[in-house]
Amino acid sequence: MREVPKQPVMAINSYQNQAHLLVKNYLFADPLIPYTSILGGILACKVAYDLTRLISSSYSKTYPGLTKIQRVEWNNRGISTVHAVFISALSLYFVFGSNLFSDERAGLLVFRSSPISTFGLGVSVGYFLSDLGMILWLYPSLGGIEYVIHHTLSGIAVAYSMFTGEAQLYTYMVLISEVTTPEINVRWYLDTAGMKRSTAYLINGVVIFLAWLIARVLLFGYMFYHVYLHYTQVIKMHAFGYMLVFGVPSVLAVMNLMWFGKIIKGVVKVLTKRR
């Protein structure tokens, strides 16, 4: 076997060490995590927007025929899909796969956090800032007042949890609801592409119904039950954090139920037409 030249190997090792130091000393340095993560989230939104536009221009037959505002919404939904996949996967890990918030660990779970959990919330704050900015800039083309309320409340709650380290478990529980976003976006893409009567549209509608029921209805009930069981810890939070734990999920839960009612009507309407 031929030996690998030492010089390239040393160069690779040097780059790896530099990258490790960059991540350790800057990206995941405790005092800087909130700011680097927010900036990273905003930059990730920009990259997702540009990639969606580039890929759609090259491979989608529908995209070239859209109006300017439709293209913006098409690209914007690419951003929300990428964010949803990232944050819902991270949320599922912290809520169900990690022992960070386990009752078996010492200390109050409402005050627990880690560099990774804080960084993930920062990326989400960057997304909410970017998306809210686009919604307001093009209002009401990308969404009405309900989207402004949703993003504002979510952004404030996530930012507070990120900066203070309080109630990160409950923040991630709520963020699991983002798992429904890709299906909502697929529905819009199919509708825009003229595939509203397709089997794919019907299947996606059923998936939306089930995902919404689990992630935005039942899971919220579980979160409130968890808060009830750990109320002696929740009451020790700062007053503003205490208000956010009850206030924001309550408002979002009401909005989720209102949207769920519309989803049920839509599913019934589609199924009725297919009989």
Protein backbone atom coordinates (compact mmCIF):
# COMPACT_ATOMS: atom_id res chain seq x y z
CA MET A 1 0.00 0.00 0.00
CA ARG A 2 1.13 3.50 -0.76
CA GLU A 3 1.68 5.70 2.24
CA VAL A 4 -0.37 8.86 2.53
CA PRO A 5 1.94 11.89 2.36
CA LYS A 6 2.42 13.40 5.81
CA GLN A 7 2.05 17.00 4.67
CA PRO A 8 -1.59 16.76 3.47
CA VAL A 9 -2.51 14.75 6.59
CA MET A 10 -0.95 17.39 8.83
CA ALA A 11 -2.80 20.10 6.93
CA ILE A 12 -6.14 18.30 7.36
CA ASN A 13 -5.47 17.81 11.07
CA SER A 14 -4.59 21.47 11.38
CA TYR A 15 -7.87 22.54 9.74
CA GLN A 16 -9.80 20.15 11.99
CA ASN A 17 -8.16 21.60 15.09
CA GLN A 18 -8.88 25.14 13.93
CA ALA A 19 -12.52 24.26 13.26
CA HIS A 20 -12.78 22.63 16.69
CA LEU A 21 -11.35 25.73 18.36
CA LEU A 22 -13.70 27.97 16.37
CA VAL A 23 -16.74 26.01 17.52
CA LYS A 24 -15.53 25.73 21.11
CA ASN A 25 -14.25 29.28 21.61
CA TYR A 26 -16.83 31.21 19.60
CA LEU A 27 -19.84 29.27 18.35
CA PHE A 28 -20.45 27.37 21.61
CA ALA A 29 -18.72 29.75 24.01
CA ASP A 30 -21.32 30.24 26.77
CA PRO A 31 -21.50 34.07 26.71
CA LEU A 32 -21.74 34.16 22.91
CA ILE A 33 -24.14 31.27 22.23
CA PRO A 34 -27.33 33.37 22.18
CA TYR A 35 -25.88 35.82 19.67
CA THR A 36 -24.02 33.40 17.41
CA SER A 37 -27.05 31.09 17.28
CA ILE A 38 -29.46 33.90 16.36
CA LEU A 39 -27.07 35.11 13.67
CA GLY A 40 -26.65 31.51 12.48
CA GLY A 41 -30.43 31.12 12.29
CA ILE A 42 -30.80 34.28 10.21
CA LEU A 43 -27.99 33.24 7.85
CA ALA A 44 -29.50 29.75 7.56
CA CYS A 45 -32.80 31.34 6.50
CA LYS A 46 -31.01 33.28 3.78
CA VAL A 47 -29.27 30.14 2.53
CA ALA A 48 -32.52 28.13 2.58
CA TYR A 49 -34.32 30.88 0.66
CA ASP A 50 -31.64 31.05 -2.04
CA LEU A 51 -31.36 27.26 -2.35
CA THR A 52 -35.14 26.91 -2.66
CA ARG A 53 -35.15 29.53 -5.42
CA LEU A 54 -32.20 27.93 -7.23
CA ILE A 55 -33.50 24.35 -7.06
CA SER A 56 -37.07 25.35 -7.94
CA SER A 57 -35.91 27.41 -10.93
CA SER A 58 -34.00 24.42 -12.29
CA TYR A 59 -36.29 21.49 -11.51
CA SER A 60 -39.85 22.76 -10.97
CA LYS A 61 -42.21 23.19 -13.92
CA THR A 62 -44.57 25.29 -11.79
CA TYR A 63 -42.10 27.81 -10.37
CA PRO A 64 -41.27 29.76 -13.58
CA GLY A 65 -44.96 30.51 -14.19
CA LEU A 66 -45.62 31.97 -10.73
CA THR A 67 -46.10 35.64 -10.01
CA LYS A 68 -43.41 37.53 -8.10
CA ILE A 69 -45.23 37.33 -4.78
CA GLN A 70 -46.00 33.64 -5.31
CA ARG A 71 -42.30 32.97 -5.85
CA VAL A 72 -41.47 34.82 -2.65
CA GLU A 73 -43.98 32.71 -0.74
CA TRP A 74 -42.69 29.54 -2.43
CA ASN A 75 -39.14 30.36 -1.30
CA ASN A 76 -40.31 31.47 2.13
CA ARG A 77 -42.00 28.13 2.68
CA GLY A 78 -38.67 26.49 1.88
CA ILE A 79 -37.23 28.39 4.86
CA SER A 80 -40.01 27.33 7.21
CA THR A 81 -39.70 23.70 6.10
CA VAL A 82 -35.95 23.59 6.81
CA HIS A 83 -36.45 25.23 10.20
CA ALA A 84 -39.31 22.88 11.06
CA VAL A 85 -37.28 19.75 10.29
CA PHE A 86 -34.33 21.05 12.33
CA ILE A 87 -36.20 22.30 15.41
CA SER A 88 -38.78 19.51 15.61
CA ALA A 89 -36.04 16.85 15.47
CA LEU A 90 -34.04 18.68 18.14
CA SER A 91 -37.17 19.16 20.26
CA LEU A 92 -38.11 15.48 20.08
CA TYR A 93 -34.58 14.59 21.17
CA PHE A 94 -34.55 16.90 24.20
CA VAL A 95 -38.09 16.06 25.33
CA PHE A 96 -38.06 12.30 24.79
CA GLY A 97 -34.51 11.17 23.99
CA SER A 98 -32.22 13.15 26.28
CA ASN A 99 -31.87 12.94 30.05
CA LEU A 100 -31.20 16.68 30.36
CA PHE A 101 -34.69 17.27 31.74
CA SER A 102 -35.12 13.94 33.49
CA ASP A 103 -36.70 13.92 36.96
CA GLU A 104 -33.97 11.53 38.04
CA ARG A 105 -31.31 14.22 37.77
CA ALA A 106 -30.52 16.53 40.66
CA GLY A 107 -31.72 20.11 40.55
CA LEU A 108 -34.83 21.86 39.28
CA LEU A 109 -35.63 20.92 35.67
CA VAL A 110 -37.11 24.36 34.93
CA PHE A 111 -33.63 25.88 35.28
CA ARG A 112 -31.72 23.27 33.27
CA SER A 113 -30.05 23.98 29.96
CA SER A 114 -27.02 23.04 27.91
CA PRO A 115 -24.95 24.76 25.20
CA ILE A 116 -26.70 22.67 22.54
CA SER A 117 -30.22 23.33 23.86
CA THR A 118 -29.52 27.06 24.08
CA PHE A 119 -27.98 27.10 20.60
CA GLY A 120 -31.02 25.33 19.11
CA LEU A 121 -33.37 27.89 20.62
CA GLY A 122 -31.20 30.71 19.26
CA VAL A 123 -31.44 29.30 15.74
CA SER A 124 -35.21 29.24 16.15
CA VAL A 125 -35.23 32.87 17.33
CA GLY A 126 -33.27 33.76 14.19
CA TYR A 127 -35.92 32.04 12.10
CA PHE A 128 -38.85 33.77 13.83
CA LEU A 129 -37.16 37.15 13.38
CA SER A 130 -36.50 36.51 9.69
CA ASP A 131 -39.94 35.15 8.93
CA LEU A 132 -41.75 37.84 10.93
CA GLY A 133 -39.73 40.48 9.09
CA MET A 134 -40.82 39.08 5.72
CA ILE A 135 -44.46 38.80 6.85
CA LEU A 136 -44.52 42.43 7.99
CA TRP A 137 -42.62 43.68 4.93
CA LEU A 138 -45.08 42.04 2.53
CA TYR A 139 -48.14 42.15 4.79
CA PRO A 140 -50.66 40.62 4.28
CA SER A 141 -49.39 38.60 1.29
CA LEU A 142 -47.50 36.01 3.40
CA GLY A 143 -49.97 35.82 6.26
CA GLY A 144 -52.53 37.79 8.26
CA ILE A 145 -52.61 39.04 11.82
CA GLU A 146 -52.77 35.49 13.22
CA TYR A 147 -49.29 34.80 11.85
CA VAL A 148 -47.96 38.04 13.31
CA ILE A 149 -49.37 37.10 16.73
CA HIS A 150 -48.05 33.54 16.49
CA HIS A 151 -44.52 34.57 15.50
CA THR A 152 -44.34 37.43 17.99
CA LEU A 153 -45.43 35.33 20.97
CA SER A 154 -43.28 32.38 19.91
CA GLY A 155 -40.24 34.58 19.33
CA ILE A 156 -40.54 36.30 22.72
CA ALA A 157 -41.03 33.02 24.61
CA VAL A 158 -38.18 31.23 22.83
CA ALA A 159 -35.83 34.22 23.23
CA TYR A 160 -36.58 34.49 26.96
CA SER A 161 -35.93 30.78 27.47
CA MET A 162 -32.71 31.00 25.48
CA PHE A 163 -31.28 34.03 27.32
CA THR A 164 -32.31 32.98 30.84
CA GLY A 165 -32.13 29.18 30.60
CA GLU A 166 -35.59 28.94 32.18
CA ALA A 167 -38.28 26.49 31.08
CA GLN A 168 -36.33 25.18 28.10
CA LEU A 169 -38.12 21.84 28.47
CA TYR A 170 -41.53 23.47 27.98
CA THR A 171 -40.21 25.61 25.15
CA TYR A 172 -39.06 22.51 23.32
CA MET A 173 -42.37 20.78 24.02
CA VAL A 174 -44.18 23.61 22.24
CA LEU A 175 -41.64 23.65 19.40
CA ILE A 176 -42.41 20.00 18.63
CA SER A 177 -45.56 21.42 17.03
CA GLU A 178 -43.35 22.62 14.15
CA VAL A 179 -43.48 19.02 12.90
CA THR A 180 -46.75 19.97 11.15
CA THR A 181 -45.16 22.76 9.10
CA PRO A 182 -43.67 20.63 6.26
CA GLU A 183 -47.06 19.00 5.61
CA ILE A 184 -48.79 22.41 5.54
CA ASN A 185 -46.19 23.62 3.05
CA VAL A 186 -46.57 20.51 0.88
CA ARG A 187 -50.31 21.19 0.78
CA TRP A 188 -49.65 24.73 -0.47
CA TYR A 189 -47.11 23.49 -3.05
CA LEU A 190 -49.54 20.88 -4.39
CA ASP A 191 -52.36 23.41 -4.55
CA THR A 192 -50.15 25.95 -6.35
CA ALA A 193 -49.04 23.26 -8.81
CA GLY A 194 -52.67 22.48 -9.67
CA MET A 195 -52.67 19.11 -7.91
CA LYS A 196 -55.51 19.77 -5.50
CA ARG A 197 -57.46 16.77 -6.79
CA SER A 198 -54.51 14.38 -6.69
CA THR A 199 -54.13 11.39 -4.39
CA ALA A 200 -50.98 12.99 -2.95
CA TYR A 201 -53.06 15.98 -1.85
CA LEU A 202 -55.57 13.70 -0.12
CA ILE A 203 -52.90 11.64 1.65
CA ASN A 204 -51.11 14.81 2.76
CA GLY A 205 -54.39 16.12 4.16
CA VAL A 206 -54.81 13.01 6.29
CA VAL A 207 -51.20 13.32 7.50
CA ILE A 208 -51.83 16.95 8.43
CA PHE A 209 -54.90 15.92 10.43
CA LEU A 210 -53.04 13.23 12.37
CA ALA A 211 -49.88 15.30 12.93
CA TRP A 212 -51.88 18.31 14.06
CA LEU A 213 -53.96 16.21 16.45
CA ILE A 214 -50.85 14.73 18.07
CA ALA A 215 -48.40 17.65 18.01
CA ARG A 216 -50.68 20.66 18.40
CA VAL A 217 -53.61 19.32 20.43
CA LEU A 218 -52.68 16.27 22.51
CA LEU A 219 -49.07 17.31 23.14
CA PHE A 220 -50.19 20.70 24.43
CA GLY A 221 -52.46 18.89 26.88
CA TYR A 222 -49.50 16.78 27.99
CA MET A 223 -47.40 19.93 28.46
CA PHE A 224 -50.00 21.55 30.72
CA TYR A 225 -50.24 18.31 32.70
CA HIS A 226 -46.45 18.25 33.07
CA VAL A 227 -46.51 21.86 34.31
CA TYR A 228 -49.19 20.87 36.84
CA LEU A 229 -47.05 17.99 38.14
CA HIS A 230 -44.01 20.26 38.47
CA TYR A 231 -45.80 23.38 39.63
CA THR A 232 -43.65 23.62 42.77
CA GLN A 233 -40.70 24.17 40.44
CA VAL A 234 -42.51 26.42 37.96
CA ILE A 235 -43.59 28.78 40.75
CA LYS A 236 -39.91 29.46 41.50
CA MET A 237 -39.30 30.96 38.07
CA HIS A 238 -39.09 34.71 37.52
CA ALA A 239 -42.49 36.37 37.21
CA PHE A 240 -42.15 37.04 33.47
CA GLY A 241 -41.04 33.48 32.76
CA TYR A 242 -43.91 32.16 34.87
CA MET A 243 -46.37 34.24 32.82
CA LEU A 244 -44.85 32.98 29.55
CA VAL A 245 -45.13 29.31 30.59
CA PHE A 246 -48.88 29.70 31.05
CA GLY A 247 -49.74 32.57 28.74
CA VAL A 248 -48.02 31.75 25.44
CA PRO A 249 -48.95 28.03 25.24
CA SER A 250 -52.54 28.92 26.20
CA VAL A 251 -52.88 31.43 23.35
CA LEU A 252 -51.18 29.07 20.90
CA ALA A 253 -53.39 26.19 22.06
CA VAL A 254 -56.53 28.23 21.31
CA MET A 255 -55.17 29.16 17.87
CA ASN A 256 -54.26 25.52 17.22
CA LEU A 257 -57.79 24.41 18.06
CA MET A 258 -59.26 27.05 15.75
CA TRP A 259 -56.99 25.93 12.89
CA PHE A 260 -57.73 22.29 13.72
CA GLY A 261 -61.43 22.98 13.24
CA LYS A 262 -60.66 24.31 9.74
CA ILE A 263 -58.52 21.23 9.02
CA ILE A 264 -61.37 18.91 10.01
CA LYS A 265 -63.79 20.79 7.75
CA GLY A 266 -61.29 20.59 4.88
CA VAL A 267 -60.74 16.84 5.30
CA VAL A 268 -64.50 16.19 5.48
CA LYS A 269 -65.06 18.33 2.39
CA VAL A 270 -62.41 16.48 0.35
CA LEU A 271 -63.61 13.04 1.45
CA THR A 272 -67.23 13.96 0.67
CA LYS A 273 -66.35 15.05 -2.87
CA ARG A 274 -64.56 11.73 -3.52
CA ARG A 275 -67.58 9.58 -2.71
